[in-house]
C-alpha atoms as a PDB file:
ATOM      1  CA  UNK A   1      15.427  83.416 -34.240  1.00  0.00           C
ATOM      2  CA  UNK A   2      14.249  85.144 -31.066  1.00  0.00           C
ATOM      3  CA  UNK A   3      14.694  81.903 -29.103  1.00  0.00           C
ATOM      4  CA  UNK A   4      18.199  81.487 -30.520  1.00  0.00           C
ATOM      5  CA  UNK A   5      19.056  85.069 -29.546  1.00  0.00           C
ATOM      6  CA  UNK A   6      17.766  84.541 -26.003  1.00  0.00           C
ATOM      7  CA  UNK A   7      19.827  81.362 -25.745  1.00  0.00           C
ATOM      8  CA  UNK A   8      22.963  83.032 -27.170  1.00  0.00           C
ATOM      9  CA  UNK A   9      22.675  85.933 -24.735  1.00  0.00           C
ATOM     10  CA  UNK A  10      21.856  83.552 -21.851  1.00  0.00           C
ATOM     11  CA  UNK A  11      18.698  85.544 -21.111  1.00  0.00           C
ATOM     12  CA  UNK A  12      16.429  83.768 -18.640  1.00  0.00           C
ATOM     13  CA  UNK A  13      12.869  84.826 -19.410  1.00  0.00           C
ATOM     14  CA  UNK A  14       9.686  82.905 -20.125  1.00  0.00           C
ATOM     15  CA  UNK A  15       8.890  82.135 -23.740  1.00  0.00           C
ATOM     16  CA  UNK A  16       5.151  81.965 -24.349  1.00  0.00           C
ATOM     17  CA  UNK A  17       3.941  79.334 -26.809  1.00  0.00           C
ATOM     18  CA  UNK A  18       0.291  79.094 -27.763  1.00  0.00           C
ATOM     19  CA  UNK A  19      -0.668  75.504 -28.521  1.00  0.00           C
ATOM     20  CA  UNK A  20      -4.069  75.757 -30.177  1.00  0.00           C
ATOM     21  CA  UNK A  21      -4.756  72.077 -29.572  1.00  0.00           C
ATOM     22  CA  UNK A  22      -4.649  71.629 -33.336  1.00  0.00           C
ATOM     23  CA  UNK A  23      -1.016  72.559 -33.907  1.00  0.00           C
ATOM     24  CA  UNK A  24       1.010  70.573 -36.411  1.00  0.00           C
ATOM     25  CA  UNK A  25       3.065  67.826 -34.780  1.00  0.00           C
ATOM     26  CA  UNK A  26       6.130  69.383 -36.424  1.00  0.00           C
ATOM     27  CA  UNK A  27       5.397  72.608 -34.538  1.00  0.00           C
ATOM     28  CA  UNK A  28       5.163  70.809 -31.210  1.00  0.00           C
ATOM     29  CA  UNK A  29       8.348  68.875 -31.996  1.00  0.00           C
ATOM     30  CA  UNK A  30      10.118  72.155 -32.838  1.00  0.00           C
ATOM     31  CA  UNK A  31       8.958  73.666 -29.529  1.00  0.00           C
ATOM     32  CA  UNK A  32      10.281  70.634 -27.665  1.00  0.00           C
ATOM     33  CA  UNK A  33      13.601  70.785 -29.502  1.00  0.00           C
ATOM     34  CA  UNK A  34      13.958  74.496 -28.640  1.00  0.00           C
ATOM     35  CA  UNK A  35      13.337  73.669 -24.985  1.00  0.00           C
ATOM     36  CA  UNK A  36      15.914  70.875 -25.009  1.00  0.00           C
ATOM     37  CA  UNK A  37      18.666  72.466 -27.103  1.00  0.00           C
ATOM     38  CA  UNK A  38      18.307  76.119 -26.067  1.00  0.00           C
ATOM     39  CA  UNK A  39      17.390  75.449 -22.441  1.00  0.00           C
ATOM     40  CA  UNK A  40      14.554  77.969 -22.515  1.00  0.00           C
ATOM     41  CA  UNK A  41      11.631  78.079 -20.107  1.00  0.00           C
ATOM     42  CA  UNK A  42       8.733  77.688 -22.525  1.00  0.00           C
ATOM     43  CA  UNK A  43       5.294  78.277 -21.039  1.00  0.00           C
ATOM     44  CA  UNK A  44       2.627  76.573 -23.140  1.00  0.00           C
ATOM     45  CA  UNK A  45      -0.727  78.353 -23.238  1.00  0.00           C
ATOM     46  CA  UNK A  46      -3.845  76.424 -24.271  1.00  0.00           C
ATOM     47  CA  UNK A  47      -7.420  77.338 -25.231  1.00  0.00           C
ATOM     48  CA  UNK A  48     -10.196  76.715 -22.721  1.00  0.00           C
ATOM     49  CA  UNK A  49     -11.953  74.143 -24.917  1.00  0.00           C
ATOM     50  CA  UNK A  50     -10.627  71.284 -26.991  1.00  0.00           C
ATOM     51  CA  UNK A  51     -11.348  71.519 -30.712  1.00  0.00           C
ATOM     52  CA  UNK A  52     -14.002  68.794 -30.298  1.00  0.00           C
ATOM     53  CA  UNK A  53     -15.728  70.748 -27.502  1.00  0.00           C
ATOM     54  CA  UNK A  54     -15.582  73.949 -29.528  1.00  0.00           C
ATOM     55  CA  UNK A  55     -16.985  72.196 -32.624  1.00  0.00           C
ATOM     56  CA  UNK A  56     -19.854  70.646 -30.657  1.00  0.00           C
ATOM     57  CA  UNK A  57     -20.768  74.057 -29.247  1.00  0.00           C
ATOM     58  CA  UNK A  58     -20.168  76.350 -32.262  1.00  0.00           C
ATOM     59  CA  UNK A  59     -19.868  74.092 -35.310  1.00  0.00           C
ATOM     60  CA  UNK A  60     -16.896  73.953 -37.652  1.00  0.00           C
ATOM     61  CA  UNK A  61     -15.886  77.600 -37.458  1.00  0.00           C
ATOM     62  CA  UNK A  62     -12.768  77.540 -39.592  1.00  0.00           C
ATOM     63  CA  UNK A  63     -14.685  76.880 -42.837  1.00  0.00           C
ATOM     64  CA  UNK A  64     -15.719  80.520 -43.309  1.00  0.00           C
ATOM     65  CA  UNK A  65     -13.644  83.718 -43.003  1.00  0.00           C
ATOM     66  CA  UNK A  66     -15.846  85.014 -40.169  1.00  0.00           C
ATOM     67  CA  UNK A  67     -15.756  81.668 -38.377  1.00  0.00           C
ATOM     68  CA  UNK A  68     -12.017  81.370 -38.887  1.00  0.00           C
ATOM     69  CA  UNK A  69     -11.534  84.757 -37.218  1.00  0.00           C
ATOM     70  CA  UNK A  70     -13.640  83.632 -34.232  1.00  0.00           C
ATOM     71  CA  UNK A  71     -11.809  80.305 -34.053  1.00  0.00           C
ATOM     72  CA  UNK A  72      -8.442  82.101 -33.985  1.00  0.00           C
ATOM     73  CA  UNK A  73      -9.759  84.386 -31.272  1.00  0.00           C
ATOM     74  CA  UNK A  74     -10.772  81.441 -29.088  1.00  0.00           C
ATOM     75  CA  UNK A  75      -7.739  79.254 -29.793  1.00  0.00           C
ATOM     76  CA  UNK A  76      -4.919  81.864 -29.997  1.00  0.00           C
ATOM     77  CA  UNK A  77      -5.947  85.291 -28.748  1.00  0.00           C
ATOM     78  CA  UNK A  78      -7.790  84.350 -25.551  1.00  0.00           C
ATOM     79  CA  UNK A  79      -5.013  82.033 -24.288  1.00  0.00           C
ATOM     80  CA  UNK A  80      -2.505  84.849 -24.828  1.00  0.00           C
ATOM     81  CA  UNK A  81      -4.796  87.387 -23.161  1.00  0.00           C
ATOM     82  CA  UNK A  82      -4.958  85.092 -20.139  1.00  0.00           C
ATOM     83  CA  UNK A  83      -1.303  86.045 -19.557  1.00  0.00           C
ATOM     84  CA  UNK A  84      -2.225  89.742 -19.407  1.00  0.00           C
ATOM     85  CA  UNK A  85      -0.605  91.581 -16.529  1.00  0.00           C
ATOM     86  CA  UNK A  86       1.984  88.858 -15.875  1.00  0.00           C
ATOM     87  CA  UNK A  87       4.757  90.572 -17.860  1.00  0.00           C
ATOM     88  CA  UNK A  88       6.009  94.169 -18.071  1.00  0.00           C
ATOM     89  CA  UNK A  89       7.221  93.600 -21.621  1.00  0.00           C
ATOM     90  CA  UNK A  90       6.845  91.051 -24.384  1.00  0.00           C
ATOM     91  CA  UNK A  91       9.211  90.323 -27.255  1.00  0.00           C
ATOM     92  CA  UNK A  92       7.656  89.527 -30.610  1.00  0.00           C
ATOM     93  CA  UNK A  93       9.017  88.404 -33.949  1.00  0.00           C
ATOM     94  CA  UNK A  94       6.965  90.605 -36.274  1.00  0.00           C
ATOM     95  CA  UNK A  95       8.757  91.946 -39.327  1.00  0.00           C
ATOM     96  CA  UNK A  96       7.696  94.776 -41.624  1.00  0.00           C
ATOM     97  CA  UNK A  97       8.721  92.760 -44.690  1.00  0.00           C
ATOM     98  CA  UNK A  98       5.844  90.358 -43.948  1.00  0.00           C
ATOM     99  CA  UNK A  99       3.503  93.006 -45.356  1.00  0.00           C
ATOM    100  CA  UNK A 100      -0.072  93.941 -44.558  1.00  0.00           C
ATOM    101  CA  UNK A 101      -0.579  95.528 -41.144  1.00  0.00           C
ATOM    102  CA  UNK A 102       2.869  94.321 -40.167  1.00  0.00           C
ATOM    103  CA  UNK A 103       4.477  96.745 -42.625  1.00  0.00           C
ATOM    104  CA  UNK A 104       3.802  99.519 -40.100  1.00  0.00           C
ATOM    105  CA  UNK A 105       4.933  97.563 -37.034  1.00  0.00           C
ATOM    106  CA  UNK A 106       6.979  99.643 -34.572  1.00  0.00           C
ATOM    107  CA  UNK A 107      10.129  98.408 -32.855  1.00  0.00           C
ATOM    108  CA  UNK A 108       8.744  99.483 -29.481  1.00  0.00           C
ATOM    109  CA  UNK A 109       5.106 100.116 -28.566  1.00  0.00           C
ATOM    110  CA  UNK A 110       2.625 100.021 -25.741  1.00  0.00           C
ATOM    111  CA  UNK A 111       0.357  96.990 -26.041  1.00  0.00           C
ATOM    112  CA  UNK A 112      -2.919  98.006 -24.380  1.00  0.00           C
ATOM    113  CA  UNK A 113      -4.426  94.537 -24.820  1.00  0.00           C
ATOM    114  CA  UNK A 114      -1.624  92.895 -22.834  1.00  0.00           C
ATOM    115  CA  UNK A 115      -0.953  95.952 -20.648  1.00  0.00           C
ATOM    116  CA  UNK A 116       2.777  95.867 -21.359  1.00  0.00           C
ATOM    117  CA  UNK A 117       5.526  97.149 -23.628  1.00  0.00           C
ATOM    118  CA  UNK A 118       5.863  95.219 -26.892  1.00  0.00           C
ATOM    119  CA  UNK A 119       9.367  94.881 -28.358  1.00  0.00           C
ATOM    120  CA  UNK A 120       9.876  93.712 -31.955  1.00  0.00           C
ATOM    121  CA  UNK A 121      13.652  93.428 -32.452  1.00  0.00           C
ATOM    122  CA  UNK A 122      13.390  91.755 -35.879  1.00  0.00           C
ATOM    123  CA  UNK A 123      11.124  94.426 -37.344  1.00  0.00           C
ATOM    124  CA  UNK A 124      13.677  95.727 -39.878  1.00  0.00           C
ATOM    125  CA  UNK A 125      14.990  92.359 -41.083  1.00  0.00           C
ATOM    126  CA  UNK A 126      14.026  91.378 -44.600  1.00  0.00           C
ATOM    127  CA  UNK A 127      13.695  87.763 -45.734  1.00  0.00           C
ATOM    128  CA  UNK A 128      17.291  87.531 -46.946  1.00  0.00           C
ATOM    129  CA  UNK A 129      18.701  88.895 -43.677  1.00  0.00           C
ATOM    130  CA  UNK A 130      16.548  86.523 -41.653  1.00  0.00           C
ATOM    131  CA  UNK A 131      17.621  83.543 -43.783  1.00  0.00           C
ATOM    132  CA  UNK A 132      21.270  84.545 -43.405  1.00  0.00           C
ATOM    133  CA  UNK A 133      20.958  84.724 -39.600  1.00  0.00           C
ATOM    134  CA  UNK A 134      19.277  81.303 -39.557  1.00  0.00           C
ATOM    135  CA  UNK A 135      21.961  79.739 -41.760  1.00  0.00           C
ATOM    136  CA  UNK A 136      24.980  81.345 -40.076  1.00  0.00           C
ATOM    137  CA  UNK A 137      23.730  80.439 -36.584  1.00  0.00           C
ATOM    138  CA  UNK A 138      22.214  77.032 -37.389  1.00  0.00           C
ATOM    139  CA  UNK A 139      18.898  78.141 -35.868  1.00  0.00           C
ATOM    140  CA  UNK A 140      16.266  75.500 -35.136  1.00  0.00           C
ATOM    141  CA  UNK A 141      13.507  75.894 -37.740  1.00  0.00           C
ATOM    142  CA  UNK A 142      10.132  74.208 -38.069  1.00  0.00           C
ATOM    143  CA  UNK A 143      10.556  71.661 -40.916  1.00  0.00           C
ATOM    144  CA  UNK A 144       7.223  72.752 -42.401  1.00  0.00           C
ATOM    145  CA  UNK A 145       8.952  75.892 -43.728  1.00  0.00           C
ATOM    146  CA  UNK A 146      10.931  73.685 -46.122  1.00  0.00           C
ATOM    147  CA  UNK A 147       7.655  72.072 -47.243  1.00  0.00           C
ATOM    148  CA  UNK A 148       6.111  75.286 -48.583  1.00  0.00           C
ATOM    149  CA  UNK A 149       4.693  76.790 -45.393  1.00  0.00           C
ATOM    150  CA  UNK A 150       6.138  80.316 -45.015  1.00  0.00           C
ATOM    151  CA  UNK A 151       3.864  80.862 -42.005  1.00  0.00           C
ATOM    152  CA  UNK A 152       2.486  78.141 -39.771  1.00  0.00           C
ATOM    153  CA  UNK A 153      -0.715  78.175 -37.762  1.00  0.00           C
ATOM    154  CA  UNK A 154      -3.207  75.448 -36.955  1.00  0.00           C
ATOM    155  CA  UNK A 155      -3.399  72.238 -38.951  1.00  0.00           C
ATOM    156  CA  UNK A 156      -7.032  73.033 -39.830  1.00  0.00           C
ATOM    157  CA  UNK A 157      -6.386  76.271 -41.737  1.00  0.00           C
ATOM    158  CA  UNK A 158      -2.714  76.363 -42.701  1.00  0.00           C
ATOM    159  CA  UNK A 159      -1.735  75.005 -46.091  1.00  0.00           C
ATOM    160  CA  UNK A 160       1.407  75.331 -48.188  1.00  0.00           C
ATOM    161  CA  UNK A 161       1.437  78.535 -50.217  1.00  0.00           C
ATOM    162  CA  UNK A 162       0.985  77.921 -53.918  1.00  0.00           C
ATOM    163  CA  UNK A 163       2.877  79.793 -56.660  1.00  0.00           C
ATOM    164  CA  UNK A 164       1.636  83.399 -57.059  1.00  0.00           C
ATOM    165  CA  UNK A 165      -0.209  83.333 -53.722  1.00  0.00           C
ATOM    166  CA  UNK A 166       0.687  85.862 -51.010  1.00  0.00           C
ATOM    167  CA  UNK A 167       3.044  84.553 -48.304  1.00  0.00           C
ATOM    168  CA  UNK A 168       0.314  84.570 -45.666  1.00  0.00           C
ATOM    169  CA  UNK A 169      -2.285  82.896 -47.896  1.00  0.00           C
END
């Protein structure tokens, strides 16, 4: 939705995409389609080590909750932190309706980790409003959403959400 909005407003800014090296092919294909159809400048950020290198050095981290947290830190957080200081502001797509810590997400905040202003323009949209925007505007969507994945991360940890599970399970 953010990418569609940038395209519609003809805003020329970098879009940061973290490719963990174990992203679903559908995610990479969606990124490429966004680049082609929306004409956005997508900057792909990568972790320092391949998954094989990381596994040889640390073992299979994503099998335990503690290891999964460390794996996410190495594969998602550090690549993003490597962009620290390059931008005065960053636009995110967090929404309060996603629950958990996100339920308190501000529209505008200082991000001390990235040393910039963080803007979350979708923060007040609920699921129905988001779906309506997507449908009305024919927004490019990762096909995994239609296959039971409300949120999509790495192909090692992300699975479709089963009935009665939380959305971010």
